[in-house]
Amino acid sequence: MIIIASLWLTMLLIPSTSFSHDESTDIPPIHAETGHVYIANRTNEEIIFYLESANTIRTKHRLPPGFGATFSGAAADAWFNIHIYTANTHVNYGLDAGNRYYIKQNPAGIPNVYKMPGR
């Protein structure tokens, strides 16, 4: 079953050296097809999280600081749940497939997920 899950949820690391709204070559366009979600790590630490959807089982991922990645599930996936675990906190967010998001820590040090603004 783990082999099947790794085929459903694949990750392509795309380095992102800048986080301005002008970064057009490193991230996919707004409203990509369903079954995919883009997530960027805008923290100074590696983020370890789990993604799941209606058609895919929960799968663990690692995202280094300053990197973004496109995560793919089944073609019919219209949403994903992301579960982020830190030493003190577990946060859970819902993500709409085909959109771009970034993770950033709030002033209390808790990772939050934000939708990237459109261009």
C-alpha atoms as a PDB file:
ATOM      1  CA  MET A   1       0.000   0.000   0.000  1.00  0.00           C
ATOM      2  CA  ILE A   2       2.901   2.385   0.607  1.00  0.00           C
ATOM      3  CA  ILE A   3       4.118   1.934  -2.960  1.00  0.00           C
ATOM      4  CA  ILE A   4       0.675   2.875  -4.296  1.00  0.00           C
ATOM      5  CA  ALA A   5       0.580   5.967  -2.065  1.00  0.00           C
ATOM      6  CA  SER A   6       3.965   7.111  -3.301  1.00  0.00           C
ATOM      7  CA  LEU A   7       2.665   6.928  -6.867  1.00  0.00           C
ATOM      8  CA  TRP A   8      -0.408   9.004  -6.000  1.00  0.00           C
ATOM      9  CA  LEU A   9       1.361  11.720  -4.071  1.00  0.00           C
ATOM     10  CA  THR A  10       4.526  12.754  -5.829  1.00  0.00           C
ATOM     11  CA  MET A  11       6.648  15.772  -5.076  1.00  0.00           C
ATOM     12  CA  LEU A  12       8.701  17.936  -7.389  1.00  0.00           C
ATOM     13  CA  LEU A  13      11.005  20.311  -5.506  1.00  0.00           C
ATOM     14  CA  ILE A  14      11.263  23.706  -7.088  1.00  0.00           C
ATOM     15  CA  PRO A  15      13.793  26.080  -5.489  1.00  0.00           C
ATOM     16  CA  SER A  16      12.388  29.457  -4.614  1.00  0.00           C
ATOM     17  CA  THR A  17      15.051  31.970  -3.639  1.00  0.00           C
ATOM     18  CA  SER A  18      12.731  34.950  -3.349  1.00  0.00           C
ATOM     19  CA  PHE A  19       9.265  35.301  -1.933  1.00  0.00           C
ATOM     20  CA  SER A  20       8.178  38.520  -3.604  1.00  0.00           C
ATOM     21  CA  HIS A  21       5.005  38.526  -5.617  1.00  0.00           C
ATOM     22  CA  ASP A  22       7.142  38.788  -8.753  1.00  0.00           C
ATOM     23  CA  GLU A  23       8.406  35.206  -8.635  1.00  0.00           C
ATOM     24  CA  SER A  24       6.810  33.965 -11.812  1.00  0.00           C
ATOM     25  CA  THR A  25       9.288  31.296 -12.939  1.00  0.00           C
ATOM     26  CA  ASP A  26       9.469  29.261  -9.734  1.00  0.00           C
ATOM     27  CA  ILE A  27       5.798  28.666  -9.022  1.00  0.00           C
ATOM     28  CA  PRO A  28       2.959  27.355 -11.161  1.00  0.00           C
ATOM     29  CA  PRO A  29       0.212  29.654 -12.440  1.00  0.00           C
ATOM     30  CA  ILE A  30      -2.927  30.336 -10.430  1.00  0.00           C
ATOM     31  CA  HIS A  31      -5.707  27.775 -10.693  1.00  0.00           C
ATOM     32  CA  ALA A  32      -3.772  24.800 -11.983  1.00  0.00           C
ATOM     33  CA  GLU A  33      -5.673  21.626 -12.652  1.00  0.00           C
ATOM     34  CA  THR A  34      -7.372  19.658  -9.881  1.00  0.00           C
ATOM     35  CA  GLY A  35      -5.369  16.935  -8.219  1.00  0.00           C
ATOM     36  CA  HIS A  36      -2.425  19.243  -7.504  1.00  0.00           C
ATOM     37  CA  VAL A  37      -1.504  21.818  -4.889  1.00  0.00           C
ATOM     38  CA  TYR A  38       1.599  24.008  -4.648  1.00  0.00           C
ATOM     39  CA  ILE A  39       3.093  24.715  -1.208  1.00  0.00           C
ATOM     40  CA  ALA A  40       6.073  26.972  -0.412  1.00  0.00           C
ATOM     41  CA  ASN A  41       7.996  26.986   2.865  1.00  0.00           C
ATOM     42  CA  ARG A  42       8.607  30.567   3.974  1.00  0.00           C
ATOM     43  CA  THR A  43      10.019  29.623   7.355  1.00  0.00           C
ATOM     44  CA  ASN A  44      13.646  29.224   8.418  1.00  0.00           C
ATOM     45  CA  GLU A  45      13.194  25.542   9.261  1.00  0.00           C
ATOM     46  CA  GLU A  46      12.331  22.352   7.411  1.00  0.00           C
ATOM     47  CA  ILE A  47       8.586  21.714   7.544  1.00  0.00           C
ATOM     48  CA  ILE A  48       7.361  18.158   8.019  1.00  0.00           C
ATOM     49  CA  PHE A  49       3.720  17.671   7.132  1.00  0.00           C
ATOM     50  CA  TYR A  50       1.160  15.143   5.957  1.00  0.00           C
ATOM     51  CA  LEU A  51      -1.223  15.558   3.016  1.00  0.00           C
ATOM     52  CA  GLU A  52      -4.434  13.628   2.454  1.00  0.00           C
ATOM     53  CA  SER A  53      -7.498  13.921   0.259  1.00  0.00           C
ATOM     54  CA  ALA A  54     -10.664  12.058  -0.612  1.00  0.00           C
ATOM     55  CA  ASN A  55      -8.780   9.788  -3.027  1.00  0.00           C
ATOM     56  CA  THR A  56      -5.326   9.527  -1.424  1.00  0.00           C
ATOM     57  CA  ILE A  57      -4.128   8.279   1.921  1.00  0.00           C
ATOM     58  CA  ARG A  58      -2.190  10.467   4.355  1.00  0.00           C
ATOM     59  CA  THR A  59       1.419  10.756   3.162  1.00  0.00           C
ATOM     60  CA  LYS A  60       4.401  12.348   4.918  1.00  0.00           C
ATOM     61  CA  HIS A  61       6.430  15.085   3.179  1.00  0.00           C
ATOM     62  CA  ARG A  62       9.407  17.293   4.004  1.00  0.00           C
ATOM     63  CA  LEU A  63       9.886  20.782   2.601  1.00  0.00           C
ATOM     64  CA  PRO A  64      13.220  22.579   3.205  1.00  0.00           C
ATOM     65  CA  PRO A  65      13.205  26.295   4.039  1.00  0.00           C
ATOM     66  CA  GLY A  66      13.022  28.480   0.957  1.00  0.00           C
ATOM     67  CA  PHE A  67      11.633  25.742  -1.281  1.00  0.00           C
ATOM     68  CA  GLY A  68       8.275  25.204  -2.919  1.00  0.00           C
ATOM     69  CA  ALA A  69       6.808  22.018  -4.296  1.00  0.00           C
ATOM     70  CA  THR A  70       3.865  20.824  -6.321  1.00  0.00           C
ATOM     71  CA  PHE A  71       2.122  17.891  -4.671  1.00  0.00           C
ATOM     72  CA  SER A  72      -0.073  15.637  -6.784  1.00  0.00           C
ATOM     73  CA  GLY A  73      -2.902  13.366  -5.776  1.00  0.00           C
ATOM     74  CA  ALA A  74      -5.584  11.663  -7.826  1.00  0.00           C
ATOM     75  CA  ALA A  75      -6.822  13.685 -10.813  1.00  0.00           C
ATOM     76  CA  ALA A  76     -10.267  13.993  -9.204  1.00  0.00           C
ATOM     77  CA  ASP A  77      -8.961  15.507  -5.942  1.00  0.00           C
ATOM     78  CA  ALA A  78     -10.566  18.913  -5.453  1.00  0.00           C
ATOM     79  CA  TRP A  79      -9.152  19.448  -1.945  1.00  0.00           C
ATOM     80  CA  PHE A  80      -6.327  18.386   0.361  1.00  0.00           C
ATOM     81  CA  ASN A  81      -5.920  18.442   4.128  1.00  0.00           C
ATOM     82  CA  ILE A  82      -2.503  19.434   5.417  1.00  0.00           C
ATOM     83  CA  HIS A  83      -1.402  18.433   8.922  1.00  0.00           C
ATOM     84  CA  ILE A  84       1.708  20.194  10.222  1.00  0.00           C
ATOM     85  CA  TYR A  85       3.395  18.913  13.366  1.00  0.00           C
ATOM     86  CA  THR A  86       5.960  20.856  15.380  1.00  0.00           C
ATOM     87  CA  ALA A  87       7.435  20.076  18.791  1.00  0.00           C
ATOM     88  CA  ASN A  88       4.545  21.807  20.579  1.00  0.00           C
ATOM     89  CA  THR A  89       1.717  22.063  18.069  1.00  0.00           C
ATOM     90  CA  HIS A  90      -0.399  20.212  15.530  1.00  0.00           C
ATOM     91  CA  VAL A  91      -2.218  22.416  13.028  1.00  0.00           C
ATOM     92  CA  ASN A  92      -4.608  21.287  10.332  1.00  0.00           C
ATOM     93  CA  TYR A  93      -5.759  23.268   7.290  1.00  0.00           C
ATOM     94  CA  GLY A  94      -7.934  22.603   4.253  1.00  0.00           C
ATOM     95  CA  LEU A  95      -6.471  23.439   0.836  1.00  0.00           C
ATOM     96  CA  ASP A  96      -8.316  23.784  -2.460  1.00  0.00           C
ATOM     97  CA  ALA A  97      -6.638  21.836  -5.264  1.00  0.00           C
ATOM     98  CA  GLY A  98      -5.241  23.863  -8.126  1.00  0.00           C
ATOM     99  CA  ASN A  99      -4.153  26.727  -5.872  1.00  0.00           C
ATOM    100  CA  ARG A 100      -0.868  27.973  -4.426  1.00  0.00           C
ATOM    101  CA  TYR A 101      -0.134  28.248  -0.710  1.00  0.00           C
ATOM    102  CA  TYR A 102       2.746  29.138   1.569  1.00  0.00           C
ATOM    103  CA  ILE A 103       3.610  28.216   5.143  1.00  0.00           C
ATOM    104  CA  LYS A 104       4.809  30.962   7.480  1.00  0.00           C
ATOM    105  CA  GLN A 105       5.124  31.041  11.258  1.00  0.00           C
ATOM    106  CA  ASN A 106       2.993  33.526  13.156  1.00  0.00           C
ATOM    107  CA  PRO A 107       4.498  35.628  15.999  1.00  0.00           C
ATOM    108  CA  ALA A 108       3.812  32.771  18.451  1.00  0.00           C
ATOM    109  CA  GLY A 109       5.905  30.417  16.284  1.00  0.00           C
ATOM    110  CA  ILE A 110       2.926  28.370  15.062  1.00  0.00           C
ATOM    111  CA  PRO A 111       2.992  27.538  11.344  1.00  0.00           C
ATOM    112  CA  ASN A 112       0.072  28.981   9.413  1.00  0.00           C
ATOM    113  CA  VAL A 113      -0.913  28.249   5.814  1.00  0.00           C
ATOM    114  CA  TYR A 114      -1.806  31.197   3.583  1.00  0.00           C
ATOM    115  CA  LYS A 115      -3.167  31.292   0.058  1.00  0.00           C
ATOM    116  CA  MET A 116      -0.832  33.106  -2.342  1.00  0.00           C
ATOM    117  CA  PRO A 117      -2.418  36.211  -3.790  1.00  0.00           C
ATOM    118  CA  GLY A 118      -3.280  36.268  -7.483  1.00  0.00           C
ATOM    119  CA  ARG A 119      -1.361  38.278 -10.013  1.00  0.00           C
END
